[in-house]
Amino acid sequence: MNDATKWRWENARGISEIFAAEPQVKAIVLTGTVAESIVDDFSETHLHAFWTELPSIDQQHRVLERVGGTSVFGVEELEWSVCIARRFHAN
């Protein structure tokens, strides 16, 4: 495992632990080049959190604050159809 992979793997583990603290999160999956250990200096880390119900605004803020992150889409009340549309639009 090269240094670029190791750093991203450790970072993903820390972020996953923060998401896993939310009771509605049932699984977190690491995908892409980090999961495959074929990282270079420009690689992104892709984590997918699977919730049993959509996160509330408070949960979104709490998780973002704990990971020190921001949301590309903003923090708002979510609806399933919006999440599905965003997922397919992002590809």
PDB file of N, CA and C in Angstrom:
ATOM      1  N   MET A   1       0.859  -1.180   0.000  1.00  0.00           N
ATOM      2  CA  MET A   1       0.000   0.000   0.000  1.00  0.00           C
ATOM      3  C   MET A   1       0.902   1.239   0.000  1.00  0.00           C
ATOM      4  N   ASN A   2       0.717   2.114  -1.006  1.00  0.00           N
ATOM      5  CA  ASN A   2       1.546   3.313  -1.058  1.00  0.00           C
ATOM      6  C   ASN A   2       1.032   4.370  -0.073  1.00  0.00           C
ATOM      7  N   ASP A   3       1.818   5.436   0.136  1.00  0.00           N
ATOM      8  CA  ASP A   3       1.457   6.477   1.107  1.00  0.00           C
ATOM      9  C   ASP A   3       0.139   7.164   0.755  1.00  0.00           C
ATOM     10  N   ALA A   4      -0.110   7.398  -0.533  1.00  0.00           N
ATOM     11  CA  ALA A   4      -1.346   8.057  -0.951  1.00  0.00           C
ATOM     12  C   ALA A   4      -2.558   7.191  -0.603  1.00  0.00           C
ATOM     13  N   THR A   5      -2.431   5.886  -0.764  1.00  0.00           N
ATOM     14  CA  THR A   5      -3.522   4.971  -0.412  1.00  0.00           C
ATOM     15  C   THR A   5      -3.701   4.913   1.099  1.00  0.00           C
ATOM     16  N   LYS A   6      -2.607   4.771   1.818  1.00  0.00           N
ATOM     17  CA  LYS A   6      -2.665   4.644   3.278  1.00  0.00           C
ATOM     18  C   LYS A   6      -3.347   5.851   3.908  1.00  0.00           C
ATOM     19  N   TRP A   7      -2.980   7.052   3.504  1.00  0.00           N
ATOM     20  CA  TRP A   7      -3.581   8.260   4.064  1.00  0.00           C
ATOM     21  C   TRP A   7      -5.081   8.290   3.803  1.00  0.00           C
ATOM     22  N   ARG A   8      -5.483   7.987   2.573  1.00  0.00           N
ATOM     23  CA  ARG A   8      -6.905   8.015   2.233  1.00  0.00           C
ATOM     24  C   ARG A   8      -7.676   6.912   2.950  1.00  0.00           C
ATOM     25  N   TRP A   9      -7.085   5.750   3.089  1.00  0.00           N
ATOM     26  CA  TRP A   9      -7.715   4.635   3.782  1.00  0.00           C
ATOM     27  C   TRP A   9      -7.961   5.002   5.249  1.00  0.00           C
ATOM     28  N   GLU A  10      -6.953   5.571   5.902  1.00  0.00           N
ATOM     29  CA  GLU A  10      -7.095   5.968   7.306  1.00  0.00           C
ATOM     30  C   GLU A  10      -8.127   7.082   7.462  1.00  0.00           C
ATOM     31  N   ASN A  11      -8.133   8.030   6.549  1.00  0.00           N
ATOM     32  CA  ASN A  11      -9.112   9.105   6.579  1.00  0.00           C
ATOM     33  C   ASN A  11     -10.527   8.541   6.401  1.00  0.00           C
ATOM     34  N   ALA A  12     -10.703   7.632   5.468  1.00  0.00           N
ATOM     35  CA  ALA A  12     -12.007   7.006   5.233  1.00  0.00           C
ATOM     36  C   ALA A  12     -12.470   6.242   6.476  1.00  0.00           C
ATOM     37  N   ARG A  13     -11.564   5.571   7.150  1.00  0.00           N
ATOM     38  CA  ARG A  13     -11.923   4.839   8.368  1.00  0.00           C
ATOM     39  C   ARG A  13     -12.435   5.805   9.437  1.00  0.00           C
ATOM     40  N   GLY A  14     -11.763   6.935   9.615  1.00  0.00           N
ATOM     41  CA  GLY A  14     -12.197   7.920  10.605  1.00  0.00           C
ATOM     42  C   GLY A  14     -13.559   8.509  10.277  1.00  0.00           C
ATOM     43  N   ILE A  15     -13.769   8.841   9.011  1.00  0.00           N
ATOM     44  CA  ILE A  15     -15.064   9.384   8.583  1.00  0.00           C
ATOM     45  C   ILE A  15     -16.155   8.325   8.755  1.00  0.00           C
ATOM     46  N   SER A  16     -15.849   7.088   8.428  1.00  0.00           N
ATOM     47  CA  SER A  16     -16.823   6.000   8.571  1.00  0.00           C
ATOM     48  C   SER A  16     -17.259   5.830  10.017  1.00  0.00           C
ATOM     49  N   GLU A  17     -16.340   5.953  10.947  1.00  0.00           N
ATOM     50  CA  GLU A  17     -16.675   5.828  12.370  1.00  0.00           C
ATOM     51  C   GLU A  17     -17.647   6.926  12.802  1.00  0.00           C
ATOM     52  N   ILE A  18     -17.491   8.119  12.250  1.00  0.00           N
ATOM     53  CA  ILE A  18     -18.404   9.224  12.571  1.00  0.00           C
ATOM     54  C   ILE A  18     -19.801   8.928  12.040  1.00  0.00           C
ATOM     55  N   PHE A  19     -19.890   8.479  10.803  1.00  0.00           N
ATOM     56  CA  PHE A  19     -21.194   8.113  10.244  1.00  0.00           C
ATOM     57  C   PHE A  19     -21.803   6.938  11.008  1.00  0.00           C
ATOM     58  N   ALA A  20     -20.999   5.954  11.363  1.00  0.00           N
ATOM     59  CA  ALA A  20     -21.491   4.754  12.044  1.00  0.00           C
ATOM     60  C   ALA A  20     -22.074   5.071  13.418  1.00  0.00           C
ATOM     61  N   ALA A  21     -21.727   6.208  13.988  1.00  0.00           N
ATOM     62  CA  ALA A  21     -22.281   6.613  15.285  1.00  0.00           C
ATOM     63  C   ALA A  21     -23.755   7.000  15.180  1.00  0.00           C
ATOM     64  N   GLU A  22     -24.227   7.249  13.965  1.00  0.00           N
ATOM     65  CA  GLU A  22     -25.638   7.580  13.766  1.00  0.00           C
ATOM     66  C   GLU A  22     -26.441   6.280  13.732  1.00  0.00           C
ATOM     67  N   PRO A  23     -27.476   6.158  14.579  1.00  0.00           N
ATOM     68  CA  PRO A  23     -28.189   4.879  14.677  1.00  0.00           C
ATOM     69  C   PRO A  23     -28.866   4.422  13.388  1.00  0.00           C
ATOM     70  N   GLN A  24     -29.208   5.339  12.502  1.00  0.00           N
ATOM     71  CA  GLN A  24     -29.891   4.952  11.258  1.00  0.00           C
ATOM     72  C   GLN A  24     -28.915   4.518  10.159  1.00  0.00           C
ATOM     73  N   VAL A  25     -27.638   4.666  10.380  1.00  0.00           N
ATOM     74  CA  VAL A  25     -26.653   4.221   9.382  1.00  0.00           C
ATOM     75  C   VAL A  25     -26.399   2.734   9.597  1.00  0.00           C
ATOM     76  N   LYS A  26     -26.688   1.950   8.577  1.00  0.00           N
ATOM     77  CA  LYS A  26     -26.556   0.493   8.685  1.00  0.00           C
ATOM     78  C   LYS A  26     -25.335  -0.060   7.969  1.00  0.00           C
ATOM     79  N   ALA A  27     -24.794   0.683   7.016  1.00  0.00           N
ATOM     80  CA  ALA A  27     -23.607   0.208   6.298  1.00  0.00           C
ATOM     81  C   ALA A  27     -22.882   1.394   5.690  1.00  0.00           C
ATOM     82  N   ILE A  28     -21.575   1.258   5.581  1.00  0.00           N
ATOM     83  CA  ILE A  28     -20.738   2.250   4.918  1.00  0.00           C
ATOM     84  C   ILE A  28     -19.808   1.479   3.991  1.00  0.00           C
ATOM     85  N   VAL A  29     -19.759   1.893   2.735  1.00  0.00           N
ATOM     86  CA  VAL A  29     -18.971   1.176   1.742  1.00  0.00           C
ATOM     87  C   VAL A  29     -17.935   2.126   1.141  1.00  0.00           C
ATOM     88  N   LEU A  30     -16.700   1.672   1.114  1.00  0.00           N
ATOM     89  CA  LEU A  30     -15.611   2.383   0.456  1.00  0.00           C
ATOM     90  C   LEU A  30     -15.476   1.814  -0.944  1.00  0.00           C
ATOM     91  N   THR A  31     -15.506   2.686  -1.954  1.00  0.00           N
ATOM     92  CA  THR A  31     -15.411   2.229  -3.343  1.00  0.00           C
ATOM     93  C   THR A  31     -14.308   3.003  -4.070  1.00  0.00           C
ATOM     94  N   GLY A  32     -14.107   2.648  -5.307  1.00  0.00           N
ATOM     95  CA  GLY A  32     -13.177   3.383  -6.160  1.00  0.00           C
ATOM     96  C   GLY A  32     -11.725   2.993  -5.957  1.00  0.00           C
ATOM     97  N   THR A  33     -10.854   3.903  -6.322  1.00  0.00           N
ATOM     98  CA  THR A  33      -9.424   3.604  -6.334  1.00  0.00           C
ATOM     99  C   THR A  33      -8.860   3.334  -4.948  1.00  0.00           C
ATOM    100  N   VAL A  34      -9.420   3.973  -3.922  1.00  0.00           N
ATOM    101  CA  VAL A  34      -8.924   3.715  -2.564  1.00  0.00           C
ATOM    102  C   VAL A  34      -9.246   2.278  -2.158  1.00  0.00           C
ATOM    103  N   ALA A  35     -10.460   1.845  -2.415  1.00  0.00           N
ATOM    104  CA  ALA A  35     -10.845   0.468  -2.086  1.00  0.00           C
ATOM    105  C   ALA A  35     -10.011  -0.541  -2.862  1.00  0.00           C
ATOM    106  N   GLU A  36      -9.626  -0.181  -4.074  1.00  0.00           N
ATOM    107  CA  GLU A  36      -8.851  -1.083  -4.922  1.00  0.00           C
ATOM    108  C   GLU A  36      -7.339  -0.930  -4.738  1.00  0.00           C
ATOM    109  N   SER A  37      -6.938   0.031  -3.876  1.00  0.00           N
ATOM    110  CA  SER A  37      -5.514   0.303  -3.607  1.00  0.00           C
ATOM    111  C   SER A  37      -4.727   0.635  -4.867  1.00  0.00           C
ATOM    112  N   ILE A  38      -5.341   1.440  -5.741  1.00  0.00           N
ATOM    113  CA  ILE A  38      -4.643   1.911  -6.947  1.00  0.00           C
ATOM    114  C   ILE A  38      -4.693   3.439  -6.998  1.00  0.00           C
ATOM    115  N   VAL A  39      -4.306   4.060  -5.892  1.00  0.00           N
ATOM    116  CA  VAL A  39      -4.417   5.502  -5.697  1.00  0.00           C
ATOM    117  C   VAL A  39      -3.188   6.221  -6.226  1.00  0.00           C
ATOM    118  N   ASP A  40      -3.429   7.424  -6.755  1.00  0.00           N
ATOM    119  CA  ASP A  40      -2.336   8.344  -7.038  1.00  0.00           C
ATOM    120  C   ASP A  40      -2.617   9.641  -6.271  1.00  0.00           C
ATOM    121  N   ASP A  41      -1.792  10.645  -6.471  1.00  0.00           N
ATOM    122  CA  ASP A  41      -1.929  11.892  -5.711  1.00  0.00           C
ATOM    123  C   ASP A  41      -3.215  12.654  -6.015  1.00  0.00           C
ATOM    124  N   PHE A  42      -3.924  12.310  -7.066  1.00  0.00           N
ATOM    125  CA  PHE A  42      -5.126  13.039  -7.467  1.00  0.00           C
ATOM    126  C   PHE A  42      -6.411  12.249  -7.197  1.00  0.00           C
ATOM    127  N   SER A  43      -6.300  11.092  -6.601  1.00  0.00           N
ATOM    128  CA  SER A  43      -7.457  10.230  -6.368  1.00  0.00           C
ATOM    129  C   SER A  43      -8.386  10.797  -5.303  1.00  0.00           C
ATOM    130  N   GLU A  44      -9.687  10.549  -5.505  1.00  0.00           N
ATOM    131  CA  GLU A  44     -10.710  10.917  -4.539  1.00  0.00           C
ATOM    132  C   GLU A  44     -11.055   9.700  -3.691  1.00  0.00           C
ATOM    133  N   THR A  45     -11.646   9.959  -2.531  1.00  0.00           N
ATOM    134  CA  THR A  45     -12.132   8.887  -1.676  1.00  0.00           C
ATOM    135  C   THR A  45     -13.649   8.853  -1.780  1.00  0.00           C
ATOM    136  N   HIS A  46     -14.206   7.695  -2.113  1.00  0.00           N
ATOM    137  CA  HIS A  46     -15.650   7.551  -2.274  1.00  0.00           C
ATOM    138  C   HIS A  46     -16.208   6.669  -1.161  1.00  0.00           C
ATOM    139  N   LEU A  47     -17.010   7.290  -0.281  1.00  0.00           N
ATOM    140  CA  LEU A  47     -17.696   6.566   0.784  1.00  0.00           C
ATOM    141  C   LEU A  47     -19.195   6.687   0.563  1.00  0.00           C
ATOM    142  N   HIS A  48     -19.896   5.598   0.752  1.00  0.00           N
ATOM    143  CA  HIS A  48     -21.355   5.592   0.605  1.00  0.00           C
ATOM    144  C   HIS A  48     -21.953   5.115   1.924  1.00  0.00           C
ATOM    145  N   ALA A  49     -22.801   5.952   2.525  1.00  0.00           N
ATOM    146  CA  ALA A  49     -23.476   5.593   3.771  1.00  0.00           C
ATOM    147  C   ALA A  49     -24.906   5.186   3.448  1.00  0.00           C
ATOM    148  N   PHE A  50     -25.321   4.053   3.982  1.00  0.00           N
ATOM    149  CA  PHE A  50     -26.674   3.549   3.769  1.00  0.00           C
ATOM    150  C   PHE A  50     -27.480   3.744   5.051  1.00  0.00           C
ATOM    151  N   TRP A  51     -28.500   4.579   4.946  1.00  0.00           N
ATOM    152  CA  TRP A  51     -29.353   4.932   6.072  1.00  0.00           C
ATOM    153  C   TRP A  51     -30.672   4.172   5.984  1.00  0.00           C
ATOM    154  N   THR A  52     -31.244   3.809   7.136  1.00  0.00           N
ATOM    155  CA  THR A  52     -32.561   3.180   7.144  1.00  0.00           C
ATOM    156  C   THR A  52     -33.661   4.212   6.938  1.00  0.00           C
ATOM    157  N   GLU A  53     -33.352   5.467   7.235  1.00  0.00           N
ATOM    158  CA  GLU A  53     -34.250   6.583   6.940  1.00  0.00           C
ATOM    159  C   GLU A  53     -33.384   7.792   6.636  1.00  0.00           C
ATOM    160  N   LEU A  54     -33.945   8.734   5.912  1.00  0.00           N
ATOM    161  CA  LEU A  54     -33.165   9.907   5.520  1.00  0.00           C
ATOM    162  C   LEU A  54     -32.708  10.690   6.740  1.00  0.00           C
ATOM    163  N   PRO A  55     -31.497  11.212   6.718  1.00  0.00           N
ATOM    164  CA  PRO A  55     -31.001  11.975   7.869  1.00  0.00           C
ATOM    165  C   PRO A  55     -31.734  13.314   8.005  1.00  0.00           C
ATOM    166  N   SER A  56     -32.013  13.675   9.244  1.00  0.00           N
ATOM    167  CA  SER A  56     -32.636  14.960   9.514  1.00  0.00           C
ATOM    168  C   SER A  56     -31.621  16.076   9.272  1.00  0.00           C
ATOM    169  N   ILE A  57     -32.105  17.292   9.268  1.00  0.00           N
ATOM    170  CA  ILE A  57     -31.204  18.440   9.128  1.00  0.00           C
ATOM    171  C   ILE A  57     -30.191  18.438  10.275  1.00  0.00           C
ATOM    172  N   ASP A  58     -30.653  18.151  11.493  1.00  0.00           N
ATOM    173  CA  ASP A  58     -29.736  18.101  12.639  1.00  0.00           C
ATOM    174  C   ASP A  58     -28.657  17.027  12.453  1.00  0.00           C
ATOM    175  N   GLN A  59     -29.047  15.861  11.955  1.00  0.00           N
ATOM    176  CA  GLN A  59     -28.066  14.803  11.718  1.00  0.00           C
ATOM    177  C   GLN A  59     -27.066  15.214  10.647  1.00  0.00           C
ATOM    178  N   GLN A  60     -27.552  15.850   9.588  1.00  0.00           N
ATOM    179  CA  GLN A  60     -26.656  16.301   8.529  1.00  0.00           C
ATOM    180  C   GLN A  60     -25.626  17.282   9.083  1.00  0.00           C
ATOM    181  N   HIS A  61     -26.094  18.257   9.863  1.00  0.00           N
ATOM    182  CA  HIS A  61     -25.176  19.233  10.461  1.00  0.00           C
ATOM    183  C   HIS A  61     -24.190  18.550  11.402  1.00  0.00           C
ATOM    184  N   ARG A  62     -24.691  17.624  12.232  1.00  0.00           N
ATOM    185  CA  ARG A  62     -23.834  16.948  13.205  1.00  0.00           C
ATOM    186  C   ARG A  62     -22.715  16.165  12.513  1.00  0.00           C
ATOM    187  N   VAL A  63     -23.074  15.386  11.506  1.00  0.00           N
ATOM    188  CA  VAL A  63     -22.069  14.591  10.804  1.00  0.00           C
ATOM    189  C   VAL A  63     -21.074  15.493  10.080  1.00  0.00           C
ATOM    190  N   LEU A  64     -21.574  16.514   9.395  1.00  0.00           N
ATOM    191  CA  LEU A  64     -20.663  17.426   8.690  1.00  0.00           C
ATOM    192  C   LEU A  64     -19.707  18.116   9.646  1.00  0.00           C
ATOM    193  N   GLU A  65     -20.219  18.532  10.803  1.00  0.00           N
ATOM    194  CA  GLU A  65     -19.361  19.192  11.790  1.00  0.00           C
ATOM    195  C   GLU A  65     -18.293  18.236  12.306  1.00  0.00           C
ATOM    196  N   ARG A  66     -18.682  16.997  12.597  1.00  0.00           N
ATOM    197  CA  ARG A  66     -17.726  16.018  13.140  1.00  0.00           C
ATOM    198  C   ARG A  66     -16.643  15.628  12.142  1.00  0.00           C
ATOM    199  N   VAL A  67     -16.997  15.573  10.862  1.00  0.00           N
ATOM    200  CA  VAL A  67     -15.974  15.214   9.868  1.00  0.00           C
ATOM    201  C   VAL A  67     -15.211  16.442   9.367  1.00  0.00           C
ATOM    202  N   GLY A  68     -15.708  17.631   9.725  1.00  0.00           N
ATOM    203  CA  GLY A  68     -15.052  18.851   9.258  1.00  0.00           C
ATOM    204  C   GLY A  68     -15.303  19.090   7.785  1.00  0.00           C
ATOM    205  N   GLY A  69     -16.496  18.715   7.325  1.00  0.00           N
ATOM    206  CA  GLY A  69     -16.800  18.802   5.901  1.00  0.00           C
ATOM    207  C   GLY A  69     -17.894  19.794   5.562  1.00  0.00           C
ATOM    208  N   THR A  70     -18.183  19.846   4.290  1.00  0.00           N
ATOM    209  CA  THR A  70     -19.279  20.657   3.769  1.00  0.00           C
ATOM    210  C   THR A  70     -20.089  19.791   2.814  1.00  0.00           C
ATOM    211  N   SER A  71     -21.305  20.223   2.530  1.00  0.00           N
ATOM    212  CA  SER A  71     -22.157  19.490   1.615  1.00  0.00           C
ATOM    213  C   SER A  71     -22.172  20.176   0.258  1.00  0.00           C
ATOM    214  N   VAL A  72     -21.956  19.423  -0.791  1.00  0.00           N
ATOM    215  CA  VAL A  72     -22.012  19.949  -2.151  1.00  0.00           C
ATOM    216  C   VAL A  72     -23.415  20.459  -2.462  1.00  0.00           C
ATOM    217  N   PHE A  73     -24.423  19.768  -1.917  1.00  0.00           N
ATOM    218  CA  PHE A  73     -25.813  20.093  -2.208  1.00  0.00           C
ATOM    219  C   PHE A  73     -26.452  20.998  -1.169  1.00  0.00           C
ATOM    220  N   GLY A  74     -25.755  21.282  -0.079  1.00  0.00           N
ATOM    221  CA  GLY A  74     -26.351  22.050   1.001  1.00  0.00           C
ATOM    222  C   GLY A  74     -27.076  21.131   1.967  1.00  0.00           C
ATOM    223  N   VAL A  75     -27.447  21.683   3.107  1.00  0.00           N
ATOM    224  CA  VAL A  75     -28.168  20.924   4.118  1.00  0.00           C
ATOM    225  C   VAL A  75     -29.623  21.346   4.053  1.00  0.00           C
ATOM    226  N   GLU A  76     -30.499  20.355   3.862  1.00  0.00           N
ATOM    227  CA  GLU A  76     -31.922  20.644   3.726  1.00  0.00           C
ATOM    228  C   GLU A  76     -32.716  19.405   4.089  1.00  0.00           C
ATOM    229  N   GLU A  77     -34.002  19.592   4.253  1.00  0.00           N
ATOM    230  CA  GLU A  77     -34.886  18.453   4.472  1.00  0.00           C
ATOM    231  C   GLU A  77     -34.874  17.622   3.191  1.00  0.00           C
ATOM    232  N   LEU A  78     -34.595  16.341   3.323  1.00  0.00           N
ATOM    233  CA  LEU A  78     -34.441  15.487   2.157  1.00  0.00           C
ATOM    234  C   LEU A  78     -35.700  14.672   1.889  1.00  0.00           C
ATOM    235  N   GLU A  79     -35.888  14.341   0.629  1.00  0.00           N
ATOM    236  CA  GLU A  79     -36.953  13.437   0.206  1.00  0.00           C
ATOM    237  C   GLU A  79     -36.298  12.350  -0.628  1.00  0.00           C
ATOM    238  N   TRP A  80     -36.852  11.136  -0.568  1.00  0.00           N
ATOM    239  CA  TRP A  80     -36.240  10.022  -1.292  1.00  0.00           C
ATOM    240  C   TRP A  80     -36.065  10.326  -2.768  1.00  0.00           C
ATOM    241  N   SER A  81     -37.072  10.916  -3.398  1.00  0.00           N
ATOM    242  CA  SER A  81     -36.977  11.168  -4.837  1.00  0.00           C
ATOM    243  C   SER A  81     -35.845  12.140  -5.158  1.00  0.00           C
ATOM    244  N   VAL A  82     -35.605  13.102  -4.277  1.00  0.00           N
ATOM    245  CA  VAL A  82     -34.521  14.065  -4.489  1.00  0.00           C
ATOM    246  C   VAL A  82     -33.177  13.359  -4.399  1.00  0.00           C
ATOM    247  N   CYS A  83     -33.028  12.479  -3.430  1.00  0.00           N
ATOM    248  CA  CYS A  83     -31.764  11.754  -3.273  1.00  0.00           C
ATOM    249  C   CYS A  83     -31.481  10.867  -4.476  1.00  0.00           C
ATOM    250  N   ILE A  84     -32.504  10.193  -4.955  1.00  0.00           N
ATOM    251  CA  ILE A  84     -32.324   9.333  -6.126  1.00  0.00           C
ATOM    252  C   ILE A  84     -31.973  10.176  -7.347  1.00  0.00           C
ATOM    253  N   ALA A  85     -32.660  11.284  -7.546  1.00  0.00           N
ATOM    254  CA  ALA A  85     -32.380  12.154  -8.694  1.00  0.00           C
ATOM    255  C   ALA A  85     -30.960  12.697  -8.622  1.00  0.00           C
ATOM    256  N   ARG A  86     -30.526  13.092  -7.452  1.00  0.00           N
ATOM    257  CA  ARG A  86     -29.165  13.626  -7.310  1.00  0.00           C
ATOM    258  C   ARG A  86     -28.146  12.547  -7.603  1.00  0.00           C
ATOM    259  N   ARG A  87     -28.409  11.352  -7.149  1.00  0.00           N
ATOM    260  CA  ARG A  87     -27.461  10.252  -7.386  1.00  0.00           C
ATOM    261  C   ARG A  87     -27.286  10.014  -8.875  1.00  0.00           C
ATOM    262  N   PHE A  88     -28.367   9.966  -9.611  1.00  0.00           N
ATOM    263  CA  PHE A  88     -28.258   9.705 -11.050  1.00  0.00           C
ATOM    264  C   PHE A  88     -27.754  10.930 -11.800  1.00  0.00           C
ATOM    265  N   HIS A  89     -28.066  12.097 -11.318  1.00  0.00           N
ATOM    266  CA  HIS A  89     -27.586  13.322 -11.958  1.00  0.00           C
ATOM    267  C   HIS A  89     -26.067  13.452 -11.797  1.00  0.00           C
ATOM    268  N   ALA A  90     -25.549  13.005 -10.666  1.00  0.00           N
ATOM    269  CA  ALA A  90     -24.115  13.125 -10.387  1.00  0.00           C
ATOM    270  C   ALA A  90     -23.273  12.279 -11.341  1.00  0.00           C
ATOM    271  N   ASN A  91     -23.848  11.230 -11.879  1.00  0.00           N
ATOM    272  CA  ASN A  91     -23.091  10.370 -12.784  1.00  0.00           C
ATOM    273  C   ASN A  91     -23.108  10.986 -14.128  1.00  0.00           C
TER     274      ASN A  91
END
